[in-house]
PDB file of N, CA and C in Angstrom:
ATOM      1  N   MET A   1      -3.929 -14.843   2.122  1.00  0.00           N
ATOM      2  CA  MET A   1      -3.730 -13.472   1.698  1.00  0.00           C
ATOM      3  C   MET A   1      -2.448 -12.920   2.146  1.00  0.00           C
ATOM      4  N   PHE A   2      -2.031 -11.802   1.330  1.00  0.00           N
ATOM      5  CA  PHE A   2      -0.811 -11.181   1.440  1.00  0.00           C
ATOM      6  C   PHE A   2      -0.809  -9.780   1.533  1.00  0.00           C
ATOM      7  N   THR A   3       0.038  -9.099   2.244  1.00  0.00           N
ATOM      8  CA  THR A   3      -0.042  -7.618   2.225  1.00  0.00           C
ATOM      9  C   THR A   3       1.294  -7.001   1.965  1.00  0.00           C
ATOM     10  N   ARG A   4       1.250  -5.823   1.498  1.00  0.00           N
ATOM     11  CA  ARG A   4       2.470  -4.965   1.371  1.00  0.00           C
ATOM     12  C   ARG A   4       2.240  -3.535   1.968  1.00  0.00           C
ATOM     13  N   THR A   5       3.154  -3.184   2.815  1.00  0.00           N
ATOM     14  CA  THR A   5       2.986  -1.833   3.420  1.00  0.00           C
ATOM     15  C   THR A   5       4.075  -0.973   2.731  1.00  0.00           C
ATOM     16  N   VAL A   6       3.549   0.265   2.440  1.00  0.00           N
ATOM     17  CA  VAL A   6       4.474   1.230   1.920  1.00  0.00           C
ATOM     18  C   VAL A   6       4.506   2.422   2.889  1.00  0.00           C
ATOM     19  N   ASP A   7       5.638   2.580   3.679  1.00  0.00           N
ATOM     20  CA  ASP A   7       5.874   3.639   4.654  1.00  0.00           C
ATOM     21  C   ASP A   7       6.544   4.865   3.899  1.00  0.00           C
ATOM     22  N   VAL A   8       5.677   6.015   3.992  1.00  0.00           N
ATOM     23  CA  VAL A   8       6.249   7.167   3.186  1.00  0.00           C
ATOM     24  C   VAL A   8       6.276   8.394   4.159  1.00  0.00           C
ATOM     25  N   THR A   9       7.339   9.104   3.920  1.00  0.00           N
ATOM     26  CA  THR A   9       7.462  10.434   4.605  1.00  0.00           C
ATOM     27  C   THR A   9       7.325  11.501   3.432  1.00  0.00           C
ATOM     28  N   THR A  10       6.334  12.331   3.527  1.00  0.00           N
ATOM     29  CA  THR A  10       6.235  13.350   2.424  1.00  0.00           C
ATOM     30  C   THR A  10       6.940  14.628   2.675  1.00  0.00           C
ATOM     31  N   LYS A  11       7.224  15.360   1.804  1.00  0.00           N
ATOM     32  CA  LYS A  11       7.679  16.836   1.992  1.00  0.00           C
ATOM     33  C   LYS A  11       6.713  17.447   2.849  1.00  0.00           C
ATOM     34  N   PRO A  12       7.220  18.486   3.696  1.00  0.00           N
ATOM     35  CA  PRO A  12       6.327  19.117   4.477  1.00  0.00           C
ATOM     36  C   PRO A  12       4.963  19.657   3.995  1.00  0.00           C
ATOM     37  N   GLY A  13       3.866  19.322   4.558  1.00  0.00           N
ATOM     38  CA  GLY A  13       2.517  19.649   4.120  1.00  0.00           C
ATOM     39  C   GLY A  13       2.076  19.021   2.936  1.00  0.00           C
ATOM     40  N   LYS A  14       2.635  17.932   2.440  1.00  0.00           N
ATOM     41  CA  LYS A  14       2.252  17.270   1.230  1.00  0.00           C
ATOM     42  C   LYS A  14       1.455  15.851   1.443  1.00  0.00           C
ATOM     43  N   ALA A  15       1.215  15.594   2.776  1.00  0.00           N
ATOM     44  CA  ALA A  15       0.466  14.287   2.933  1.00  0.00           C
ATOM     45  C   ALA A  15      -0.830  14.306   2.182  1.00  0.00           C
ATOM     46  N   LYS A  16      -1.648  15.348   2.308  1.00  0.00           N
ATOM     47  CA  LYS A  16      -2.912  15.375   1.635  1.00  0.00           C
ATOM     48  C   LYS A  16      -2.910  15.343   0.245  1.00  0.00           C
ATOM     49  N   ASP A  17      -1.915  15.929  -0.439  1.00  0.00           N
ATOM     50  CA  ASP A  17      -1.653  15.749  -1.803  1.00  0.00           C
ATOM     51  C   ASP A  17      -1.447  14.488  -2.218  1.00  0.00           C
ATOM     52  N   LEU A  18      -0.478  13.742  -1.392  1.00  0.00           N
ATOM     53  CA  LEU A  18      -0.277  12.288  -1.642  1.00  0.00           C
ATOM     54  C   LEU A  18      -1.426  11.373  -1.571  1.00  0.00           C
ATOM     55  N   ALA A  19      -2.298  11.601  -0.625  1.00  0.00           N
ATOM     56  CA  ALA A  19      -3.461  10.893  -0.342  1.00  0.00           C
ATOM     57  C   ALA A  19      -4.396  11.064  -1.637  1.00  0.00           C
ATOM     58  N   THR A  20      -4.601  12.354  -2.080  1.00  0.00           N
ATOM     59  CA  THR A  20      -5.262  12.632  -3.187  1.00  0.00           C
ATOM     60  C   THR A  20      -4.864  11.875  -4.540  1.00  0.00           C
ATOM     61  N   LEU A  21      -3.521  11.985  -4.732  1.00  0.00           N
ATOM     62  CA  LEU A  21      -2.774  11.353  -5.780  1.00  0.00           C
ATOM     63  C   LEU A  21      -3.032   9.803  -5.734  1.00  0.00           C
ATOM     64  N   ILE A  22      -2.979   9.200  -4.612  1.00  0.00           N
ATOM     65  CA  ILE A  22      -3.178   7.706  -4.506  1.00  0.00           C
ATOM     66  C   ILE A  22      -4.522   7.454  -4.837  1.00  0.00           C
ATOM     67  N   ASN A  23      -5.491   8.256  -4.192  1.00  0.00           N
ATOM     68  CA  ASN A  23      -6.936   7.898  -4.400  1.00  0.00           C
ATOM     69  C   ASN A  23      -7.360   8.144  -5.908  1.00  0.00           C
ATOM     70  N   GLU A  24      -6.763   9.126  -6.598  1.00  0.00           N
ATOM     71  CA  GLU A  24      -7.211   9.441  -7.961  1.00  0.00           C
ATOM     72  C   GLU A  24      -6.445   8.712  -8.943  1.00  0.00           C
ATOM     73  N   LYS A  25      -5.168   8.386  -8.862  1.00  0.00           N
ATOM     74  CA  LYS A  25      -4.361   7.857  -9.849  1.00  0.00           C
ATOM     75  C   LYS A  25      -3.787   6.505  -9.596  1.00  0.00           C
ATOM     76  N   VAL A  26      -3.528   6.094  -8.369  1.00  0.00           N
ATOM     77  CA  VAL A  26      -2.915   4.945  -7.970  1.00  0.00           C
ATOM     78  C   VAL A  26      -4.048   3.827  -7.777  1.00  0.00           C
ATOM     79  N   LEU A  27      -5.039   4.199  -7.185  1.00  0.00           N
ATOM     80  CA  LEU A  27      -6.063   3.145  -6.937  1.00  0.00           C
ATOM     81  C   LEU A  27      -6.666   2.507  -8.315  1.00  0.00           C
ATOM     82  N   PRO A  28      -6.839   3.280  -9.195  1.00  0.00           N
ATOM     83  CA  PRO A  28      -7.364   2.878 -10.461  1.00  0.00           C
ATOM     84  C   PRO A  28      -6.237   1.781 -11.117  1.00  0.00           C
ATOM     85  N   ILE A  29      -5.065   1.980 -10.932  1.00  0.00           N
ATOM     86  CA  ILE A  29      -3.984   1.062 -11.386  1.00  0.00           C
ATOM     87  C   ILE A  29      -4.109  -0.148 -10.627  1.00  0.00           C
ATOM     88  N   LEU A  30      -4.248  -0.065  -9.238  1.00  0.00           N
ATOM     89  CA  LEU A  30      -4.203  -1.202  -8.362  1.00  0.00           C
ATOM     90  C   LEU A  30      -5.494  -2.085  -8.603  1.00  0.00           C
ATOM     91  N   LYS A  31      -6.660  -1.475  -8.897  1.00  0.00           N
ATOM     92  CA  LYS A  31      -7.817  -2.263  -9.120  1.00  0.00           C
ATOM     93  C   LYS A  31      -7.851  -3.029 -10.297  1.00  0.00           C
ATOM     94  N   LYS A  32      -6.892  -2.751 -11.239  1.00  0.00           N
ATOM     95  CA  LYS A  32      -6.718  -3.507 -12.518  1.00  0.00           C
ATOM     96  C   LYS A  32      -5.679  -4.692 -12.354  1.00  0.00           C
ATOM     97  N   GLN A  33      -5.071  -4.834 -11.140  1.00  0.00           N
ATOM     98  CA  GLN A  33      -4.104  -5.833 -10.965  1.00  0.00           C
ATOM     99  C   GLN A  33      -4.648  -7.172 -10.555  1.00  0.00           C
ATOM    100  N   THR A  34      -4.168  -8.323 -11.151  1.00  0.00           N
ATOM    101  CA  THR A  34      -4.598  -9.589 -10.834  1.00  0.00           C
ATOM    102  C   THR A  34      -4.309  -9.867  -9.264  1.00  0.00           C
ATOM    103  N   GLY A  35      -5.378 -10.284  -8.670  1.00  0.00           N
ATOM    104  CA  GLY A  35      -5.135 -10.672  -7.242  1.00  0.00           C
ATOM    105  C   GLY A  35      -5.199  -9.431  -6.209  1.00  0.00           C
ATOM    106  N   PHE A  36      -5.350  -8.306  -6.714  1.00  0.00           N
ATOM    107  CA  PHE A  36      -5.595  -7.130  -5.830  1.00  0.00           C
ATOM    108  C   PHE A  36      -6.942  -7.189  -5.065  1.00  0.00           C
ATOM    109  N   ALA A  37      -6.929  -7.105  -3.683  1.00  0.00           N
ATOM    110  CA  ALA A  37      -8.124  -7.132  -2.940  1.00  0.00           C
ATOM    111  C   ALA A  37      -8.551  -5.870  -2.433  1.00  0.00           C
ATOM    112  N   ASP A  38      -7.613  -5.110  -1.791  1.00  0.00           N
ATOM    113  CA  ASP A  38      -7.978  -3.891  -1.015  1.00  0.00           C
ATOM    114  C   ASP A  38      -6.783  -3.009  -0.737  1.00  0.00           C
ATOM    115  N   GLU A  39      -7.068  -1.780  -0.468  1.00  0.00           N
ATOM    116  CA  GLU A  39      -6.041  -0.775  -0.163  1.00  0.00           C
ATOM    117  C   GLU A  39      -6.563   0.075   0.955  1.00  0.00           C
ATOM    118  N   THR A  40      -5.693   0.190   2.090  1.00  0.00           N
ATOM    119  CA  THR A  40      -5.992   0.968   3.148  1.00  0.00           C
ATOM    120  C   THR A  40      -4.943   2.100   3.296  1.00  0.00           C
ATOM    121  N   LEU A  41      -5.333   3.328   3.309  1.00  0.00           N
ATOM    122  CA  LEU A  41      -4.296   4.516   3.412  1.00  0.00           C
ATOM    123  C   LEU A  41      -4.495   5.183   4.813  1.00  0.00           C
ATOM    124  N   LEU A  42      -3.401   5.155   5.440  1.00  0.00           N
ATOM    125  CA  LEU A  42      -3.400   5.803   6.809  1.00  0.00           C
ATOM    126  C   LEU A  42      -2.375   6.989   6.845  1.00  0.00           C
ATOM    127  N   VAL A  43      -2.952   8.168   7.423  1.00  0.00           N
ATOM    128  CA  VAL A  43      -2.117   9.346   7.410  1.00  0.00           C
ATOM    129  C   VAL A  43      -2.030   9.577   8.989  1.00  0.00           C
ATOM    130  N   SER A  44      -0.869   9.679   9.541  1.00  0.00           N
ATOM    131  CA  SER A  44      -0.505   9.705  10.937  1.00  0.00           C
ATOM    132  C   SER A  44      -1.073  10.991  11.562  1.00  0.00           C
ATOM    133  N   ASP A  45      -1.639  10.858  12.691  1.00  0.00           N
ATOM    134  CA  ASP A  45      -2.210  11.967  13.389  1.00  0.00           C
ATOM    135  C   ASP A  45      -1.125  12.620  14.351  1.00  0.00           C
ATOM    136  N   LYS A  46       0.068  11.971  14.430  1.00  0.00           N
ATOM    137  CA  LYS A  46       1.204  12.487  15.256  1.00  0.00           C
ATOM    138  C   LYS A  46       2.308  12.964  14.386  1.00  0.00           C
ATOM    139  N   GLU A  47       2.421  12.448  13.256  1.00  0.00           N
ATOM    140  CA  GLU A  47       3.484  12.925  12.270  1.00  0.00           C
ATOM    141  C   GLU A  47       2.724  13.305  11.048  1.00  0.00           C
ATOM    142  N   PRO A  48       2.443  14.530  10.806  1.00  0.00           N
ATOM    143  CA  PRO A  48       1.539  14.983   9.749  1.00  0.00           C
ATOM    144  C   PRO A  48       2.093  14.714   8.300  1.00  0.00           C
ATOM    145  N   ASP A  49       3.369  14.317   8.190  1.00  0.00           N
ATOM    146  CA  ASP A  49       3.907  14.069   6.905  1.00  0.00           C
ATOM    147  C   ASP A  49       4.255  12.568   6.741  1.00  0.00           C
ATOM    148  N   ARG A  50       3.669  11.807   7.457  1.00  0.00           N
ATOM    149  CA  ARG A  50       3.807  10.370   7.402  1.00  0.00           C
ATOM    150  C   ARG A  50       2.606   9.707   7.030  1.00  0.00           C
ATOM    151  N   VAL A  51       2.703   8.728   5.919  1.00  0.00           N
ATOM    152  CA  VAL A  51       1.570   8.134   5.335  1.00  0.00           C
ATOM    153  C   VAL A  51       1.879   6.626   5.176  1.00  0.00           C
ATOM    154  N   LEU A  52       1.052   5.782   5.533  1.00  0.00           N
ATOM    155  CA  LEU A  52       1.221   4.317   5.307  1.00  0.00           C
ATOM    156  C   LEU A  52       0.140   3.735   4.461  1.00  0.00           C
ATOM    157  N   ALA A  53       0.522   3.086   3.331  1.00  0.00           N
ATOM    158  CA  ALA A  53      -0.342   2.556   2.454  1.00  0.00           C
ATOM    159  C   ALA A  53      -0.327   1.014   2.562  1.00  0.00           C
ATOM    160  N   ILE A  54      -1.367   0.354   2.783  1.00  0.00           N
ATOM    161  CA  ILE A  54      -1.461  -1.105   3.018  1.00  0.00           C
ATOM    162  C   ILE A  54      -2.224  -1.537   1.932  1.00  0.00           C
ATOM    163  N   SER A  55      -1.602  -2.500   1.063  1.00  0.00           N
ATOM    164  CA  SER A  55      -2.468  -3.214   0.103  1.00  0.00           C
ATOM    165  C   SER A  55      -2.553  -4.737   0.336  1.00  0.00           C
ATOM    166  N   PHE A  56      -3.708  -5.236   0.094  1.00  0.00           N
ATOM    167  CA  PHE A  56      -4.094  -6.519   0.227  1.00  0.00           C
ATOM    168  C   PHE A  56      -4.076  -7.345  -1.005  1.00  0.00           C
ATOM    169  N   TRP A  57      -3.487  -8.633  -1.116  1.00  0.00           N
ATOM    170  CA  TRP A  57      -3.447  -9.336  -2.319  1.00  0.00           C
ATOM    171  C   TRP A  57      -3.794 -10.737  -2.024  1.00  0.00           C
ATOM    172  N   ASN A  58      -4.271 -11.436  -2.977  1.00  0.00           N
ATOM    173  CA  ASN A  58      -4.758 -12.831  -2.746  1.00  0.00           C
ATOM    174  C   ASN A  58      -3.569 -13.723  -2.514  1.00  0.00           C
ATOM    175  N   THR A  59      -2.487 -13.523  -3.229  1.00  0.00           N
ATOM    176  CA  THR A  59      -1.315 -14.324  -3.061  1.00  0.00           C
ATOM    177  C   THR A  59      -0.097 -13.477  -3.058  1.00  0.00           C
ATOM    178  N   LYS A  60       0.994 -14.091  -2.517  1.00  0.00           N
ATOM    179  CA  LYS A  60       2.348 -13.341  -2.532  1.00  0.00           C
ATOM    180  C   LYS A  60       2.766 -13.135  -3.975  1.00  0.00           C
ATOM    181  N   GLU A  61       2.496 -14.094  -4.872  1.00  0.00           N
ATOM    182  CA  GLU A  61       2.829 -14.072  -6.326  1.00  0.00           C
ATOM    183  C   GLU A  61       2.234 -12.745  -6.941  1.00  0.00           C
ATOM    184  N   ASP A  62       1.024 -12.548  -6.564  1.00  0.00           N
ATOM    185  CA  ASP A  62       0.219 -11.367  -7.176  1.00  0.00           C
ATOM    186  C   ASP A  62       0.947 -10.145  -6.693  1.00  0.00           C
ATOM    187  N   ALA A  63       1.122  -9.956  -5.570  1.00  0.00           N
ATOM    188  CA  ALA A  63       1.864  -8.846  -4.916  1.00  0.00           C
ATOM    189  C   ALA A  63       3.204  -8.626  -5.511  1.00  0.00           C
ATOM    190  N   GLU A  64       3.965  -9.570  -5.779  1.00  0.00           N
ATOM    191  CA  GLU A  64       5.339  -9.555  -6.345  1.00  0.00           C
ATOM    192  C   GLU A  64       5.169  -9.155  -7.772  1.00  0.00           C
ATOM    193  N   ARG A  65       4.283  -9.628  -8.515  1.00  0.00           N
ATOM    194  CA  ARG A  65       4.140  -9.325  -9.846  1.00  0.00           C
ATOM    195  C   ARG A  65       3.758  -7.762  -9.980  1.00  0.00           C
ATOM    196  N   TYR A  66       2.826  -7.261  -9.167  1.00  0.00           N
ATOM    197  CA  TYR A  66       2.607  -5.805  -9.114  1.00  0.00           C
ATOM    198  C   TYR A  66       3.813  -5.076  -8.856  1.00  0.00           C
ATOM    199  N   HIS A  67       4.654  -5.579  -7.839  1.00  0.00           N
ATOM    200  CA  HIS A  67       5.899  -4.903  -7.388  1.00  0.00           C
ATOM    201  C   HIS A  67       6.757  -4.711  -8.565  1.00  0.00           C
ATOM    202  N   GLN A  68       6.917  -5.725  -9.274  1.00  0.00           N
ATOM    203  CA  GLN A  68       7.972  -5.750 -10.430  1.00  0.00           C
ATOM    204  C   GLN A  68       7.289  -4.989 -11.699  1.00  0.00           C
ATOM    205  N   GLU A  69       6.114  -5.084 -12.003  1.00  0.00           N
ATOM    206  CA  GLU A  69       5.548  -4.551 -13.231  1.00  0.00           C
ATOM    207  C   GLU A  69       4.892  -3.022 -13.039  1.00  0.00           C
ATOM    208  N   GLN A  70       4.356  -2.780 -11.954  1.00  0.00           N
ATOM    209  CA  GLN A  70       3.584  -1.563 -11.740  1.00  0.00           C
ATOM    210  C   GLN A  70       4.236  -0.471 -10.680  1.00  0.00           C
ATOM    211  N   TYR A  71       4.786  -1.053  -9.712  1.00  0.00           N
ATOM    212  CA  TYR A  71       5.222  -0.279  -8.572  1.00  0.00           C
ATOM    213  C   TYR A  71       6.221   0.794  -9.044  1.00  0.00           C
ATOM    214  N   PRO A  72       7.246   0.463  -9.905  1.00  0.00           N
ATOM    215  CA  PRO A  72       8.233   1.400 -10.412  1.00  0.00           C
ATOM    216  C   PRO A  72       7.447   2.593 -11.061  1.00  0.00           C
ATOM    217  N   VAL A  73       6.395   2.449 -11.809  1.00  0.00           N
ATOM    218  CA  VAL A  73       5.681   3.569 -12.441  1.00  0.00           C
ATOM    219  C   VAL A  73       5.050   4.368 -11.253  1.00  0.00           C
ATOM    220  N   ILE A  74       4.489   3.729 -10.219  1.00  0.00           N
ATOM    221  CA  ILE A  74       3.743   4.434  -9.245  1.00  0.00           C
ATOM    222  C   ILE A  74       4.727   5.262  -8.364  1.00  0.00           C
ATOM    223  N   GLN A  75       5.907   4.590  -8.199  1.00  0.00           N
ATOM    224  CA  GLN A  75       7.033   5.284  -7.362  1.00  0.00           C
ATOM    225  C   GLN A  75       7.369   6.570  -8.105  1.00  0.00           C
ATOM    226  N   GLN A  76       7.506   6.490  -9.308  1.00  0.00           N
ATOM    227  CA  GLN A  76       7.939   7.665 -10.123  1.00  0.00           C
ATOM    228  C   GLN A  76       6.800   8.846 -10.004  1.00  0.00           C
ATOM    229  N   MET A  77       5.560   8.435 -10.032  1.00  0.00           N
ATOM    230  CA  MET A  77       4.475   9.139  -9.940  1.00  0.00           C
ATOM    231  C   MET A  77       4.450  10.008  -8.558  1.00  0.00           C
ATOM    232  N   ILE A  78       4.697   9.294  -7.506  1.00  0.00           N
ATOM    233  CA  ILE A  78       4.620  10.001  -6.145  1.00  0.00           C
ATOM    234  C   ILE A  78       5.955  10.582  -5.717  1.00  0.00           C
ATOM    235  N   ARG A  79       7.008  10.227  -6.319  1.00  0.00           N
ATOM    236  CA  ARG A  79       8.279  10.778  -5.943  1.00  0.00           C
ATOM    237  C   ARG A  79       8.439  12.417  -5.759  1.00  0.00           C
ATOM    238  N   PRO A  80       7.833  13.154  -6.635  1.00  0.00           N
ATOM    239  CA  PRO A  80       7.901  14.625  -6.356  1.00  0.00           C
ATOM    240  C   PRO A  80       7.452  15.065  -4.982  1.00  0.00           C
ATOM    241  N   LEU A  81       6.457  14.258  -4.404  1.00  0.00           N
ATOM    242  CA  LEU A  81       5.786  14.717  -3.027  1.00  0.00           C
ATOM    243  C   LEU A  81       6.562  14.110  -1.940  1.00  0.00           C
ATOM    244  N   LEU A  82       7.623  13.252  -2.064  1.00  0.00           N
ATOM    245  CA  LEU A  82       8.311  12.592  -1.016  1.00  0.00           C
ATOM    246  C   LEU A  82       9.546  13.275  -0.522  1.00  0.00           C
ATOM    247  N   ASP A  83       9.682  13.044   0.815  1.00  0.00           N
ATOM    248  CA  ASP A  83      10.978  13.647   1.432  1.00  0.00           C
ATOM    249  C   ASP A  83      12.087  12.536   1.449  1.00  0.00           C
ATOM    250  N   ALA A  84      11.557  11.249   1.255  1.00  0.00           N
ATOM    251  CA  ALA A  84      12.635  10.143   1.395  1.00  0.00           C
ATOM    252  C   ALA A  84      12.047   9.002   0.667  1.00  0.00           C
ATOM    253  N   GLU A  85      12.959   8.083   0.369  1.00  0.00           N
ATOM    254  CA  GLU A  85      12.353   6.841  -0.441  1.00  0.00           C
ATOM    255  C   GLU A  85      11.386   6.097   0.416  1.00  0.00           C
ATOM    256  N   PRO A  86      10.361   5.553  -0.214  1.00  0.00           N
ATOM    257  CA  PRO A  86       9.306   4.789   0.545  1.00  0.00           C
ATOM    258  C   PRO A  86      10.025   3.443   1.021  1.00  0.00           C
ATOM    259  N   VAL A  87       9.556   2.896   2.110  1.00  0.00           N
ATOM    260  CA  VAL A  87      10.033   1.692   2.816  1.00  0.00           C
ATOM    261  C   VAL A  87       8.898   0.719   2.466  1.00  0.00           C
ATOM    262  N   VAL A  88       9.215  -0.273   1.771  1.00  0.00           N
ATOM    263  CA  VAL A  88       8.252  -1.395   1.507  1.00  0.00           C
ATOM    264  C   VAL A  88       8.483  -2.609   2.294  1.00  0.00           C
ATOM    265  N   ARG A  89       7.428  -2.964   2.910  1.00  0.00           N
ATOM    266  CA  ARG A  89       7.417  -4.397   3.680  1.00  0.00           C
ATOM    267  C   ARG A  89       6.401  -5.231   3.197  1.00  0.00           C
ATOM    268  N   THR A  90       6.565  -6.478   3.403  1.00  0.00           N
ATOM    269  CA  THR A  90       5.496  -7.486   3.016  1.00  0.00           C
ATOM    270  C   THR A  90       5.235  -8.362   4.218  1.00  0.00           C
ATOM    271  N   PHE A  91       4.026  -8.839   4.273  1.00  0.00           N
ATOM    272  CA  PHE A  91       3.558  -9.672   5.342  1.00  0.00           C
ATOM    273  C   PHE A  91       2.453 -10.744   4.838  1.00  0.00           C
ATOM    274  N   ASN A  92       2.445 -11.962   5.520  1.00  0.00           N
ATOM    275  CA  ASN A  92       1.386 -12.876   5.259  1.00  0.00           C
ATOM    276  C   ASN A  92       0.376 -12.297   6.324  1.00  0.00           C
ATOM    277  N   VAL A  93      -0.996 -12.410   5.795  1.00  0.00           N
ATOM    278  CA  VAL A  93      -2.077 -11.826   6.608  1.00  0.00           C
ATOM    279  C   VAL A  93      -2.468 -13.104   7.620  1.00  0.00           C
ATOM    280  N   ASP A  94      -2.343 -12.805   8.860  1.00  0.00           N
ATOM    281  CA  ASP A  94      -2.638 -13.891   9.836  1.00  0.00           C
ATOM    282  C   ASP A  94      -4.202 -13.833  10.162  1.00  0.00           C
ATOM    283  N   SER A  95      -4.752 -12.685  10.268  1.00  0.00           N
ATOM    284  CA  SER A  95      -6.223 -12.587  10.421  1.00  0.00           C
ATOM    285  C   SER A  95      -6.774 -11.285   9.927  1.00  0.00           C
ATOM    286  N   SER A  96      -7.991 -11.156   9.702  1.00  0.00           N
ATOM    287  CA  SER A  96      -8.566  -9.974   9.213  1.00  0.00           C
ATOM    288  C   SER A  96     -10.060 -10.032   9.215  1.00  0.00           C
ATOM    289  N   ILE A  97     -10.750  -9.293  10.033  1.00  0.00           N
ATOM    290  CA  ILE A  97     -12.285  -9.319  10.130  1.00  0.00           C
ATOM    291  C   ILE A  97     -12.855  -8.887   8.921  1.00  0.00           C
ATOM    292  N   THR A  98     -12.324  -7.843   8.322  1.00  0.00           N
ATOM    293  CA  THR A  98     -12.699  -7.226   6.936  1.00  0.00           C
ATOM    294  C   THR A  98     -12.754  -8.172   5.878  1.00  0.00           C
ATOM    295  N   HIS A  99     -11.555  -8.984   5.806  1.00  0.00           N
ATOM    296  CA  HIS A  99     -11.375  -9.933   4.707  1.00  0.00           C
ATOM    297  C   HIS A  99     -11.789 -11.296   5.092  1.00  0.00           C
ATOM    298  N   LYS A 100     -12.338 -11.485   6.288  1.00  0.00           N
ATOM    299  CA  LYS A 100     -12.856 -12.741   6.733  1.00  0.00           C
ATOM    300  C   LYS A 100     -11.764 -13.864   6.848  1.00  0.00           C
ATOM    301  N   ILE A 101     -10.664 -13.470   7.230  1.00  0.00           N
ATOM    302  CA  ILE A 101      -9.460 -14.303   7.414  1.00  0.00           C
ATOM    303  C   ILE A 101      -9.255 -14.650   8.782  1.00  0.00           C
ATOM    304  N   ALA A 102      -9.076 -15.985   9.190  1.00  0.00           N
ATOM    305  CA  ALA A 102      -8.765 -16.280  10.494  1.00  0.00           C
ATOM    306  C   ALA A 102      -7.423 -17.148  10.426  1.00  0.00           C
ATOM    307  N   ALA A 103      -6.619 -17.016  11.522  1.00  0.00           N
ATOM    308  CA  ALA A 103      -5.374 -17.774  11.555  1.00  0.00           C
ATOM    309  C   ALA A 103      -5.928 -19.205  11.785  1.00  0.00           C
ATOM    310  N   GLU A 104      -5.172 -20.145  11.125  1.00  0.00           N
ATOM    311  CA  GLU A 104      -5.548 -21.590  11.289  1.00  0.00           C
ATOM    312  C   GLU A 104      -5.044 -22.022  12.699  1.00  0.00           C
ATOM    313  N   LYS A 105      -5.902 -22.681  13.394  1.00  0.00           N
ATOM    314  CA  LYS A 105      -5.750 -23.165  14.754  1.00  0.00           C
ATOM    315  C   LYS A 105      -5.182 -24.722  14.659  1.00  0.00           C
ATOM    316  N   ALA A 106      -4.160 -24.895  15.507  1.00  0.00           N
ATOM    317  CA  ALA A 106      -3.579 -26.238  15.495  1.00  0.00           C
ATOM    318  C   ALA A 106      -4.557 -27.201  16.180  1.00  0.00           C
ATOM    319  N   ALA A 107      -4.859 -28.393  15.633  1.00  0.00           N
ATOM    320  CA  ALA A 107      -5.862 -29.240  16.371  1.00  0.00           C
ATOM    321  C   ALA A 107      -5.533 -29.939  17.550  1.00  0.00           C
TER     322      ALA A 107
END
């Protein structure tokens, strides 16, 4: 499993609007993508204009395809609410209780 994180700073007071936009417009797009598994959206309790979106993908290739084909459309959609460009990072998922993934142990 593979994950993408998108770290966003919204314009002041716009984090709730961004969360609503993601839930209403972005999630339906994500759900249609091959290999998409889950999305977790976090809004900081210390920095009210900071949002972290974490998407889970079956493979790195699925995430990369989404990044090339759909992410530019989504980026344009959310841009009016942002104070800075989103920072995208990618990771291999080492373990997850929710997704029933465990790191392989050396024998």
